Amino acid sequence: MSETPGSGKPQPGFYPDPSGAMRWWDGNSWTEHVQGGPPPPGPPARKSHAVRNILLAILVVFVLFAGGCLALLSFTANEVNEAIESVEVDDALPGGADNPLTIVEGQAFDVAGFQYASGWTVAESPLGDVTVEGLKVTNARESSDSAIVQIKFMQGNEVVALVDCTTEPIPVGQTTTLGCMSGDDVPASYDRITINDTF
């Protein structure tokens, strides 16, 4: 048997090799490929990284989302803390929700930028309840705001009557009269009157 299939340079193809097997001749030499055998190995298959890339993208989006949520929560918490501190300061001012201001019937007074005019009176409503008449306020605050206050008639440390007074939002610089109402009788006696913001 010859080392090459026939004489000359045959075209590439399957030919009987020296052992008798049908082997691929590439035009210059025998290859390892045998007819009916497994195909010749190609270059190694490239691994697909699609799943890994998708998981990495999801992880990046999650980290960015979580970071954004944490930043938003931090910002919101800071704003809430500042608002709470501001309310606590306002509540502690004279006439604030936590610090009633003693007032005298008919005299002017200020509560945190609301200027209450003189001339107001304590009266009895047609139903016999205590009320406050002619209580006018001018808004000297920085923005439109409503007056929502409690006027308490005190005997020592006891509240003997309570009047709630309110307004609609008052534009800056405008004066309006408060609407006052109560379900309490005119007290027989009291030693002072206080006013404080309801909230």
C-alpha atoms as a PDB file:
ATOM      1  CA  MET A   1       0.000   0.000   0.000  1.00  0.00           C
ATOM      2  CA  SER A   2       1.204   3.430  -0.734  1.00  0.00           C
ATOM      3  CA  GLU A   3       1.463   6.317   1.649  1.00  0.00           C
ATOM      4  CA  THR A   4      -0.597   8.513  -0.617  1.00  0.00           C
ATOM      5  CA  PRO A   5      -3.788   7.820  -2.488  1.00  0.00           C
ATOM      6  CA  GLY A   6      -2.669   7.146  -6.011  1.00  0.00           C
ATOM      7  CA  SER A   7       0.016   8.951  -7.914  1.00  0.00           C
ATOM      8  CA  GLY A   8       0.299  12.663  -8.306  1.00  0.00           C
ATOM      9  CA  LYS A   9      -1.605  15.037  -6.085  1.00  0.00           C
ATOM     10  CA  PRO A  10      -5.194  13.871  -5.791  1.00  0.00           C
ATOM     11  CA  GLN A  11      -7.922  16.278  -4.861  1.00  0.00           C
ATOM     12  CA  PRO A  12      -8.976  16.424  -1.207  1.00  0.00           C
ATOM     13  CA  GLY A  13     -11.443  13.731  -0.269  1.00  0.00           C
ATOM     14  CA  PHE A  14     -11.939  10.365   1.447  1.00  0.00           C
ATOM     15  CA  TYR A  15      -9.591   7.650   0.201  1.00  0.00           C
ATOM     16  CA  PRO A  16      -8.426   4.280   1.559  1.00  0.00           C
ATOM     17  CA  ASP A  17      -5.398   4.948   3.814  1.00  0.00           C
ATOM     18  CA  PRO A  18      -2.512   2.466   4.327  1.00  0.00           C
ATOM     19  CA  SER A  19      -4.596   0.656   6.989  1.00  0.00           C
ATOM     20  CA  GLY A  20      -7.556   0.360   4.639  1.00  0.00           C
ATOM     21  CA  ALA A  21      -9.812   2.840   6.425  1.00  0.00           C
ATOM     22  CA  MET A  22     -11.494   5.571   4.448  1.00  0.00           C
ATOM     23  CA  ARG A  23      -9.553   8.645   5.617  1.00  0.00           C
ATOM     24  CA  TRP A  24      -9.626  12.276   4.567  1.00  0.00           C
ATOM     25  CA  TRP A  25      -6.842  13.375   2.274  1.00  0.00           C
ATOM     26  CA  ASP A  26      -6.454  17.196   2.394  1.00  0.00           C
ATOM     27  CA  GLY A  27      -4.509  17.371  -0.820  1.00  0.00           C
ATOM     28  CA  ASN A  28      -1.091  17.157   0.872  1.00  0.00           C
ATOM     29  CA  SER A  29      -1.390  14.621   3.704  1.00  0.00           C
ATOM     30  CA  TRP A  30      -3.731  12.344   5.602  1.00  0.00           C
ATOM     31  CA  THR A  31      -5.835  13.900   8.377  1.00  0.00           C
ATOM     32  CA  GLU A  32      -7.314  12.283  11.440  1.00  0.00           C
ATOM     33  CA  HIS A  33     -10.794  12.253   9.974  1.00  0.00           C
ATOM     34  CA  VAL A  34     -12.172   8.850   9.144  1.00  0.00           C
ATOM     35  CA  GLN A  35     -15.320   8.408   7.090  1.00  0.00           C
ATOM     36  CA  GLY A  36     -18.230   7.411   9.376  1.00  0.00           C
ATOM     37  CA  GLY A  37     -16.268   8.568  12.429  1.00  0.00           C
ATOM     38  CA  PRO A  38     -16.904  11.634  14.515  1.00  0.00           C
ATOM     39  CA  PRO A  39     -16.526  14.962  12.751  1.00  0.00           C
ATOM     40  CA  PRO A  40     -13.228  16.688  13.167  1.00  0.00           C
ATOM     41  CA  PRO A  41     -13.062  18.816  16.244  1.00  0.00           C
ATOM     42  CA  GLY A  42     -13.590  22.472  15.499  1.00  0.00           C
ATOM     43  CA  PRO A  43     -12.320  25.360  17.521  1.00  0.00           C
ATOM     44  CA  PRO A  44     -13.506  25.244  21.141  1.00  0.00           C
ATOM     45  CA  ALA A  45     -17.031  26.564  21.533  1.00  0.00           C
ATOM     46  CA  ARG A  46     -17.213  30.027  23.017  1.00  0.00           C
ATOM     47  CA  LYS A  47     -19.104  30.118  26.250  1.00  0.00           C
ATOM     48  CA  SER A  48     -22.163  32.336  26.245  1.00  0.00           C
ATOM     49  CA  HIS A  49     -22.095  34.987  28.968  1.00  0.00           C
ATOM     50  CA  ALA A  50     -25.626  36.222  28.290  1.00  0.00           C
ATOM     51  CA  VAL A  51     -27.047  34.904  31.571  1.00  0.00           C
ATOM     52  CA  ARG A  52     -24.113  36.282  33.542  1.00  0.00           C
ATOM     53  CA  ASN A  53     -24.447  39.674  31.817  1.00  0.00           C
ATOM     54  CA  ILE A  54     -28.204  39.810  32.490  1.00  0.00           C
ATOM     55  CA  LEU A  55     -27.650  38.960  36.167  1.00  0.00           C
ATOM     56  CA  LEU A  56     -24.953  41.637  36.431  1.00  0.00           C
ATOM     57  CA  ALA A  57     -27.271  44.198  34.820  1.00  0.00           C
ATOM     58  CA  ILE A  58     -30.070  43.291  37.250  1.00  0.00           C
ATOM     59  CA  LEU A  59     -27.631  43.574  40.160  1.00  0.00           C
ATOM     60  CA  VAL A  60     -26.463  47.020  38.988  1.00  0.00           C
ATOM     61  CA  VAL A  61     -30.080  48.218  38.619  1.00  0.00           C
ATOM     62  CA  PHE A  62     -30.924  46.869  42.080  1.00  0.00           C
ATOM     63  CA  VAL A  63     -27.891  48.563  43.668  1.00  0.00           C
ATOM     64  CA  LEU A  64     -28.752  51.870  41.975  1.00  0.00           C
ATOM     65  CA  PHE A  65     -32.410  51.542  42.997  1.00  0.00           C
ATOM     66  CA  ALA A  66     -31.531  50.651  46.594  1.00  0.00           C
ATOM     67  CA  GLY A  67     -29.021  53.491  46.753  1.00  0.00           C
ATOM     68  CA  GLY A  68     -31.616  55.911  45.390  1.00  0.00           C
ATOM     69  CA  CYS A  69     -34.188  54.694  47.916  1.00  0.00           C
ATOM     70  CA  LEU A  70     -31.717  55.115  50.772  1.00  0.00           C
ATOM     71  CA  ALA A  71     -30.820  58.613  49.586  1.00  0.00           C
ATOM     72  CA  LEU A  72     -34.511  59.526  49.306  1.00  0.00           C
ATOM     73  CA  LEU A  73     -35.241  58.099  52.755  1.00  0.00           C
ATOM     74  CA  SER A  74     -32.314  59.997  54.219  1.00  0.00           C
ATOM     75  CA  PHE A  75     -33.452  63.247  52.568  1.00  0.00           C
ATOM     76  CA  THR A  76     -37.065  62.717  53.677  1.00  0.00           C
ATOM     77  CA  ALA A  77     -36.036  61.858  57.236  1.00  0.00           C
ATOM     78  CA  ASN A  78     -33.929  65.014  57.368  1.00  0.00           C
ATOM     79  CA  GLU A  79     -36.828  67.147  56.101  1.00  0.00           C
ATOM     80  CA  VAL A  80     -39.235  65.548  58.595  1.00  0.00           C
ATOM     81  CA  ASN A  81     -36.788  66.151  61.453  1.00  0.00           C
ATOM     82  CA  GLU A  82     -36.403  69.800  60.449  1.00  0.00           C
ATOM     83  CA  ALA A  83     -40.189  70.215  60.235  1.00  0.00           C
ATOM     84  CA  ILE A  84     -40.662  68.600  63.658  1.00  0.00           C
ATOM     85  CA  GLU A  85     -37.985  70.836  65.170  1.00  0.00           C
ATOM     86  CA  SER A  86     -39.615  73.900  63.585  1.00  0.00           C
ATOM     87  CA  VAL A  87     -43.050  72.922  64.951  1.00  0.00           C
ATOM     88  CA  GLU A  88     -41.568  72.283  68.404  1.00  0.00           C
ATOM     89  CA  VAL A  89     -39.971  75.741  68.379  1.00  0.00           C
ATOM     90  CA  ASP A  90     -43.248  77.355  67.241  1.00  0.00           C
ATOM     91  CA  ASP A  91     -45.226  75.420  69.874  1.00  0.00           C
ATOM     92  CA  ALA A  92     -42.917  76.731  72.607  1.00  0.00           C
ATOM     93  CA  LEU A  93     -43.308  80.399  71.606  1.00  0.00           C
ATOM     94  CA  PRO A  94     -45.734  82.547  73.665  1.00  0.00           C
ATOM     95  CA  GLY A  95     -49.193  81.680  72.365  1.00  0.00           C
ATOM     96  CA  GLY A  96     -47.914  78.451  70.778  1.00  0.00           C
ATOM     97  CA  ALA A  97     -49.712  75.143  71.323  1.00  0.00           C
ATOM     98  CA  ASP A  98     -47.496  74.289  74.324  1.00  0.00           C
ATOM     99  CA  ASN A  99     -47.194  77.803  75.821  1.00  0.00           C
ATOM    100  CA  PRO A 100     -50.514  79.662  76.301  1.00  0.00           C
ATOM    101  CA  LEU A 101     -50.193  83.455  76.379  1.00  0.00           C
ATOM    102  CA  THR A 102     -52.084  85.380  79.076  1.00  0.00           C
ATOM    103  CA  ILE A 103     -54.207  88.148  77.512  1.00  0.00           C
ATOM    104  CA  VAL A 104     -56.360  90.925  78.908  1.00  0.00           C
ATOM    105  CA  GLU A 105     -59.877  91.551  77.628  1.00  0.00           C
ATOM    106  CA  GLY A 106     -59.940  94.370  75.092  1.00  0.00           C
ATOM    107  CA  GLN A 107     -56.144  94.728  74.795  1.00  0.00           C
ATOM    108  CA  ALA A 108     -54.009  94.048  71.682  1.00  0.00           C
ATOM    109  CA  PHE A 109     -51.473  91.181  71.617  1.00  0.00           C
ATOM    110  CA  ASP A 110     -49.250  89.267  69.139  1.00  0.00           C
ATOM    111  CA  VAL A 111     -48.866  85.538  68.603  1.00  0.00           C
ATOM    112  CA  ALA A 112     -46.042  84.484  66.253  1.00  0.00           C
ATOM    113  CA  GLY A 113     -46.707  87.113  63.587  1.00  0.00           C
ATOM    114  CA  PHE A 114     -50.474  87.313  64.043  1.00  0.00           C
ATOM    115  CA  GLN A 115     -51.315  90.788  65.377  1.00  0.00           C
ATOM    116  CA  TYR A 116     -54.574  90.776  67.336  1.00  0.00           C
ATOM    117  CA  ALA A 117     -56.238  94.207  67.620  1.00  0.00           C
ATOM    118  CA  SER A 118     -57.609  95.860  70.751  1.00  0.00           C
ATOM    119  CA  GLY A 119     -61.355  96.264  71.304  1.00  0.00           C
ATOM    120  CA  TRP A 120     -62.428  92.613  71.620  1.00  0.00           C
ATOM    121  CA  THR A 121     -64.846  91.567  74.356  1.00  0.00           C
ATOM    122  CA  VAL A 122     -66.012  88.501  76.266  1.00  0.00           C
ATOM    123  CA  ALA A 123     -69.761  88.028  75.736  1.00  0.00           C
ATOM    124  CA  GLU A 124     -72.659  85.629  76.153  1.00  0.00           C
ATOM    125  CA  SER A 125     -74.114  84.026  73.030  1.00  0.00           C
ATOM    126  CA  PRO A 126     -77.907  83.894  72.489  1.00  0.00           C
ATOM    127  CA  LEU A 127     -77.750  80.298  73.774  1.00  0.00           C
ATOM    128  CA  GLY A 128     -76.045  81.375  76.996  1.00  0.00           C
ATOM    129  CA  ASP A 129     -72.590  80.107  76.005  1.00  0.00           C
ATOM    130  CA  VAL A 130     -69.443  82.138  76.497  1.00  0.00           C
ATOM    131  CA  THR A 131     -68.021  83.718  73.321  1.00  0.00           C
ATOM    132  CA  VAL A 132     -65.483  86.313  72.203  1.00  0.00           C
ATOM    133  CA  GLU A 133     -66.688  89.122  69.938  1.00  0.00           C
ATOM    134  CA  GLY A 134     -64.768  91.539  67.729  1.00  0.00           C
ATOM    135  CA  LEU A 135     -61.443  89.656  67.865  1.00  0.00           C
ATOM    136  CA  LYS A 136     -59.583  90.872  64.744  1.00  0.00           C
ATOM    137  CA  VAL A 137     -56.216  89.639  63.511  1.00  0.00           C
ATOM    138  CA  THR A 138     -53.757  90.930  60.912  1.00  0.00           C
ATOM    139  CA  ASN A 139     -51.439  88.418  59.235  1.00  0.00           C
ATOM    140  CA  ALA A 140     -47.852  89.725  59.540  1.00  0.00           C
ATOM    141  CA  ARG A 141     -46.363  86.286  58.860  1.00  0.00           C
ATOM    142  CA  GLU A 142     -44.329  85.429  55.765  1.00  0.00           C
ATOM    143  CA  SER A 143     -47.172  83.612  53.992  1.00  0.00           C
ATOM    144  CA  SER A 144     -50.924  83.125  53.980  1.00  0.00           C
ATOM    145  CA  ASP A 145     -52.083  81.285  57.100  1.00  0.00           C
ATOM    146  CA  SER A 146     -55.186  80.542  59.170  1.00  0.00           C
ATOM    147  CA  ALA A 147     -55.718  81.498  62.810  1.00  0.00           C
ATOM    148  CA  ILE A 148     -56.964  78.443  64.715  1.00  0.00           C
ATOM    149  CA  VAL A 149     -56.798  79.195  68.445  1.00  0.00           C
ATOM    150  CA  GLN A 150     -58.254  78.302  71.818  1.00  0.00           C
ATOM    151  CA  ILE A 151     -59.142  80.976  74.337  1.00  0.00           C
ATOM    152  CA  LYS A 152     -59.288  79.548  77.845  1.00  0.00           C
ATOM    153  CA  PHE A 153     -60.832  81.069  80.930  1.00  0.00           C
ATOM    154  CA  MET A 154     -58.716  79.902  83.869  1.00  0.00           C
ATOM    155  CA  GLN A 155     -59.406  79.728  87.604  1.00  0.00           C
ATOM    156  CA  GLY A 156     -56.015  78.846  89.057  1.00  0.00           C
ATOM    157  CA  ASN A 157     -54.899  75.797  87.037  1.00  0.00           C
ATOM    158  CA  GLU A 158     -58.454  74.815  86.056  1.00  0.00           C
ATOM    159  CA  VAL A 159     -59.979  75.588  82.675  1.00  0.00           C
ATOM    160  CA  VAL A 160     -63.492  76.804  83.549  1.00  0.00           C
ATOM    161  CA  ALA A 161     -64.519  77.627  79.957  1.00  0.00           C
ATOM    162  CA  LEU A 162     -63.067  77.178  76.486  1.00  0.00           C
ATOM    163  CA  VAL A 163     -63.764  79.108  73.274  1.00  0.00           C
ATOM    164  CA  ASP A 164     -62.509  77.952  69.851  1.00  0.00           C
ATOM    165  CA  CYS A 165     -61.814  80.721  67.300  1.00  0.00           C
ATOM    166  CA  THR A 166     -60.846  80.302  63.645  1.00  0.00           C
ATOM    167  CA  THR A 167     -60.403  82.085  60.317  1.00  0.00           C
ATOM    168  CA  GLU A 168     -60.039  81.067  56.715  1.00  0.00           C
ATOM    169  CA  PRO A 169     -56.485  81.440  55.335  1.00  0.00           C
ATOM    170  CA  ILE A 170     -55.511  85.111  55.681  1.00  0.00           C
ATOM    171  CA  PRO A 171     -53.274  86.635  52.984  1.00  0.00           C
ATOM    172  CA  VAL A 172     -50.198  88.483  54.247  1.00  0.00           C
ATOM    173  CA  GLY A 173     -51.122  91.989  55.408  1.00  0.00           C
ATOM    174  CA  GLN A 174     -54.885  91.350  55.514  1.00  0.00           C
ATOM    175  CA  THR A 175     -57.050  91.795  58.631  1.00  0.00           C
ATOM    176  CA  THR A 176     -60.037  89.584  59.408  1.00  0.00           C
ATOM    177  CA  THR A 177     -62.375  88.874  62.326  1.00  0.00           C
ATOM    178  CA  LEU A 178     -62.204  85.461  63.964  1.00  0.00           C
ATOM    179  CA  GLY A 179     -65.335  83.341  64.267  1.00  0.00           C
ATOM    180  CA  CYS A 180     -65.618  82.099  67.857  1.00  0.00           C
ATOM    181  CA  MET A 181     -67.857  79.445  69.423  1.00  0.00           C
ATOM    182  CA  SER A 182     -68.128  77.428  72.587  1.00  0.00           C
ATOM    183  CA  GLY A 183     -70.351  74.911  74.290  1.00  0.00           C
ATOM    184  CA  ASP A 184     -69.393  76.181  77.761  1.00  0.00           C
ATOM    185  CA  ASP A 185     -71.466  78.516  79.932  1.00  0.00           C
ATOM    186  CA  VAL A 186     -70.126  81.946  80.815  1.00  0.00           C
ATOM    187  CA  PRO A 187     -67.934  81.179  83.832  1.00  0.00           C
ATOM    188  CA  ALA A 188     -69.052  82.619  87.161  1.00  0.00           C
ATOM    189  CA  SER A 189     -65.491  83.639  87.873  1.00  0.00           C
ATOM    190  CA  TYR A 190     -62.020  83.341  86.386  1.00  0.00           C
ATOM    191  CA  ASP A 191     -58.688  84.923  87.194  1.00  0.00           C
ATOM    192  CA  ARG A 192     -57.095  85.038  83.741  1.00  0.00           C
ATOM    193  CA  ILE A 193     -57.662  84.464  80.032  1.00  0.00           C
ATOM    194  CA  THR A 194     -55.116  82.650  77.835  1.00  0.00           C
ATOM    195  CA  ILE A 195     -54.787  82.080  74.113  1.00  0.00           C
ATOM    196  CA  ASN A 196     -52.834  79.419  72.272  1.00  0.00           C
ATOM    197  CA  ASP A 197     -52.628  77.979  68.768  1.00  0.00           C
ATOM    198  CA  THR A 198     -54.572  74.747  68.517  1.00  0.00           C
ATOM    199  CA  PHE A 199     -51.746  73.129  66.510  1.00  0.00           C
END
